[in-house]
C-alpha atoms as a PDB file:
ATOM      1  CA  MET A   1      40.779  -3.045 -70.829  1.00  0.00           C
ATOM      2  CA  GLU A   2      38.321  -3.875 -72.900  1.00  0.00           C
ATOM      3  CA  GLU A   3      36.633  -2.995 -76.048  1.00  0.00           C
ATOM      4  CA  VAL A   4      33.090  -1.495 -76.684  1.00  0.00           C
ATOM      5  CA  VAL A   5      30.598  -3.935 -77.931  1.00  0.00           C
ATOM      6  CA  GLN A   6      28.493  -2.936 -80.777  1.00  0.00           C
ATOM      7  CA  PRO A   7      24.907  -3.675 -80.434  1.00  0.00           C
ATOM      8  CA  ASN A   8      25.140  -5.611 -83.939  1.00  0.00           C
ATOM      9  CA  VAL A   9      27.028  -7.943 -82.752  1.00  0.00           C
ATOM     10  CA  TYR A  10      24.825  -9.252 -80.039  1.00  0.00           C
ATOM     11  CA  VAL A  11      21.978  -9.182 -83.175  1.00  0.00           C
ATOM     12  CA  ARG A  12      24.353 -11.299 -85.290  1.00  0.00           C
ATOM     13  CA  THR A  13      24.829 -13.472 -82.065  1.00  0.00           C
ATOM     14  CA  CYS A  14      21.410 -14.143 -81.600  1.00  0.00           C
ATOM     15  CA  ILE A  15      20.683 -14.751 -85.388  1.00  0.00           C
ATOM     16  CA  ALA A  16      23.357 -17.427 -85.250  1.00  0.00           C
ATOM     17  CA  LEU A  17      22.233 -19.090 -81.962  1.00  0.00           C
ATOM     18  CA  LEU A  18      18.783 -19.145 -83.431  1.00  0.00           C
ATOM     19  CA  MET A  19      20.112 -20.773 -86.353  1.00  0.00           C
ATOM     20  CA  LEU A  20      21.978 -23.548 -84.421  1.00  0.00           C
ATOM     21  CA  LEU A  21      18.634 -24.157 -82.723  1.00  0.00           C
ATOM     22  CA  ALA A  22      16.962 -24.436 -85.814  1.00  0.00           C
ATOM     23  CA  VAL A  23      19.495 -26.997 -87.181  1.00  0.00           C
ATOM     24  CA  THR A  24      19.532 -28.828 -83.289  1.00  0.00           C
ATOM     25  CA  TRP A  25      15.629 -29.200 -83.711  1.00  0.00           C
ATOM     26  CA  SER A  26      15.808 -30.491 -87.287  1.00  0.00           C
ATOM     27  CA  ILE A  27      18.699 -33.015 -86.431  1.00  0.00           C
ATOM     28  CA  ALA A  28      16.098 -34.355 -84.043  1.00  0.00           C
ATOM     29  CA  TYR A  29      14.124 -35.117 -86.870  1.00  0.00           C
ATOM     30  CA  ILE A  30      16.215 -36.989 -88.875  1.00  0.00           C
ATOM     31  CA  ASN A  31      17.276 -40.277 -88.459  1.00  0.00           C
ATOM     32  CA  LEU A  32      21.533 -40.672 -88.922  1.00  0.00           C
ATOM     33  CA  GLY A  33      21.787 -43.070 -86.840  1.00  0.00           C
ATOM     34  CA  PRO A  34      24.696 -43.785 -85.042  1.00  0.00           C
ATOM     35  CA  PHE A  35      26.011 -40.619 -86.101  1.00  0.00           C
ATOM     36  CA  ASN A  36      22.770 -38.708 -84.111  1.00  0.00           C
ATOM     37  CA  LEU A  37      24.761 -38.368 -81.022  1.00  0.00           C
ATOM     38  CA  ILE A  38      27.870 -36.635 -82.326  1.00  0.00           C
ATOM     39  CA  VAL A  39      25.973 -33.930 -84.761  1.00  0.00           C
ATOM     40  CA  ALA A  40      24.399 -32.689 -81.654  1.00  0.00           C
ATOM     41  CA  LEU A  41      27.082 -32.574 -79.652  1.00  0.00           C
ATOM     42  CA  ALA A  42      28.838 -30.788 -82.320  1.00  0.00           C
ATOM     43  CA  VAL A  43      25.977 -28.381 -82.678  1.00  0.00           C
ATOM     44  CA  SER A  44      25.760 -28.149 -78.901  1.00  0.00           C
ATOM     45  CA  ILE A  45      29.858 -27.447 -79.294  1.00  0.00           C
ATOM     46  CA  ALA A  46      29.422 -24.736 -81.736  1.00  0.00           C
ATOM     47  CA  LYS A  47      26.739 -22.935 -79.197  1.00  0.00           C
ATOM     48  CA  ALA A  48      28.526 -23.222 -76.314  1.00  0.00           C
ATOM     49  CA  ILE A  49      31.574 -21.282 -78.040  1.00  0.00           C
ATOM     50  CA  VAL A  50      29.349 -18.458 -79.842  1.00  0.00           C
ATOM     51  CA  ILE A  51      28.288 -18.119 -75.991  1.00  0.00           C
ATOM     52  CA  ALA A  52      31.247 -18.150 -74.603  1.00  0.00           C
ATOM     53  CA  LEU A  53      33.317 -16.032 -77.029  1.00  0.00           C
ATOM     54  CA  PHE A  54      30.308 -13.270 -77.743  1.00  0.00           C
ATOM     55  CA  PHE A  55      28.367 -13.137 -74.534  1.00  0.00           C
ATOM     56  CA  MET A  56      30.898 -13.887 -71.714  1.00  0.00           C
ATOM     57  CA  HIS A  57      33.480 -11.536 -73.795  1.00  0.00           C
ATOM     58  CA  ILE A  58      36.507 -13.858 -73.888  1.00  0.00           C
ATOM     59  CA  LYS A  59      36.462 -12.442 -77.377  1.00  0.00           C
ATOM     60  CA  GLY A  60      38.756  -9.571 -76.911  1.00  0.00           C
ATOM     61  CA  SER A  61      39.662  -9.691 -73.547  1.00  0.00           C
ATOM     62  CA  SER A  62      42.595 -10.220 -72.125  1.00  0.00           C
ATOM     63  CA  ARG A  63      45.497 -12.883 -72.648  1.00  0.00           C
ATOM     64  CA  ILE A  64      44.542 -14.397 -68.885  1.00  0.00           C
ATOM     65  CA  LEU A  65      40.796 -14.490 -69.319  1.00  0.00           C
ATOM     66  CA  HIS A  66      41.551 -16.907 -72.738  1.00  0.00           C
ATOM     67  CA  LEU A  67      44.237 -19.189 -70.582  1.00  0.00           C
ATOM     68  CA  ALA A  68      41.318 -19.344 -67.845  1.00  0.00           C
ATOM     69  CA  ALA A  69      38.600 -20.657 -70.617  1.00  0.00           C
ATOM     70  CA  VAL A  70      41.106 -23.065 -71.913  1.00  0.00           C
ATOM     71  CA  ALA A  71      42.217 -24.185 -68.639  1.00  0.00           C
ATOM     72  CA  GLY A  72      38.589 -24.616 -67.625  1.00  0.00           C
ATOM     73  CA  VAL A  73      37.938 -26.500 -70.918  1.00  0.00           C
ATOM     74  CA  ILE A  74      40.956 -29.057 -70.079  1.00  0.00           C
ATOM     75  CA  TRP A  75      40.118 -29.482 -66.339  1.00  0.00           C
ATOM     76  CA  LEU A  76      36.301 -30.846 -67.633  1.00  0.00           C
ATOM     77  CA  LEU A  77      37.779 -33.258 -70.568  1.00  0.00           C
ATOM     78  CA  ILE A  78      39.624 -34.380 -67.420  1.00  0.00           C
ATOM     79  CA  LEU A  79      36.802 -34.928 -64.900  1.00  0.00           C
ATOM     80  CA  ILE A  80      35.233 -36.310 -67.694  1.00  0.00           C
ATOM     81  CA  SER A  81      38.121 -39.296 -68.997  1.00  0.00           C
ATOM     82  CA  LEU A  82      38.235 -39.887 -65.341  1.00  0.00           C
ATOM     83  CA  THR A  83      35.034 -40.464 -65.214  1.00  0.00           C
ATOM     84  CA  LEU A  84      34.615 -43.005 -68.153  1.00  0.00           C
ATOM     85  CA  GLY A  85      37.757 -44.722 -67.004  1.00  0.00           C
ATOM     86  CA  ASP A  86      35.368 -45.662 -64.370  1.00  0.00           C
ATOM     87  CA  TYR A  87      32.568 -46.904 -65.953  1.00  0.00           C
ATOM     88  CA  ILE A  88      34.217 -48.937 -68.889  1.00  0.00           C
ATOM     89  CA  SER A  89      36.403 -50.471 -65.912  1.00  0.00           C
ATOM     90  CA  ARG A  90      33.652 -51.251 -64.265  1.00  0.00           C
ATOM     91  CA  GLY A  91      32.683 -55.278 -63.648  1.00  0.00           C
ATOM     92  CA  TRP A  92      28.713 -55.885 -64.690  1.00  0.00           C
ATOM     93  CA  VAL A  93      26.989 -57.859 -62.086  1.00  0.00           C
ATOM     94  CA  PRO A  94      24.606 -60.035 -64.268  1.00  0.00           C
ATOM     95  CA  LEU A  95      20.563 -59.586 -63.411  1.00  0.00           C
ATOM     96  CA  ASN A  96      18.733 -62.502 -62.309  1.00  0.00           C
ATOM     97  CA  HIS A  97      14.777 -62.674 -63.186  1.00  0.00           C
END
């Protein structure tokens, strides 16, 4: 059975997402060198976690839904690793200009 979510949870979630948006926007103007991508991905993962937990109601739901969410993330990581494996092992043909 689902729990009733209070409106203040949505307000706090919105504020958290707006703060993460401000962090994303400010990171775009800061030169962190090779860490730009890492920081941007970390912020986007944090936003995805907030959205999944509160807007998709994974927090407070049954164990089977938690398992389905984790299985989806694991499947995504498997597909990304297979794609990167193909990309890294591919032979490159030199361009003749």
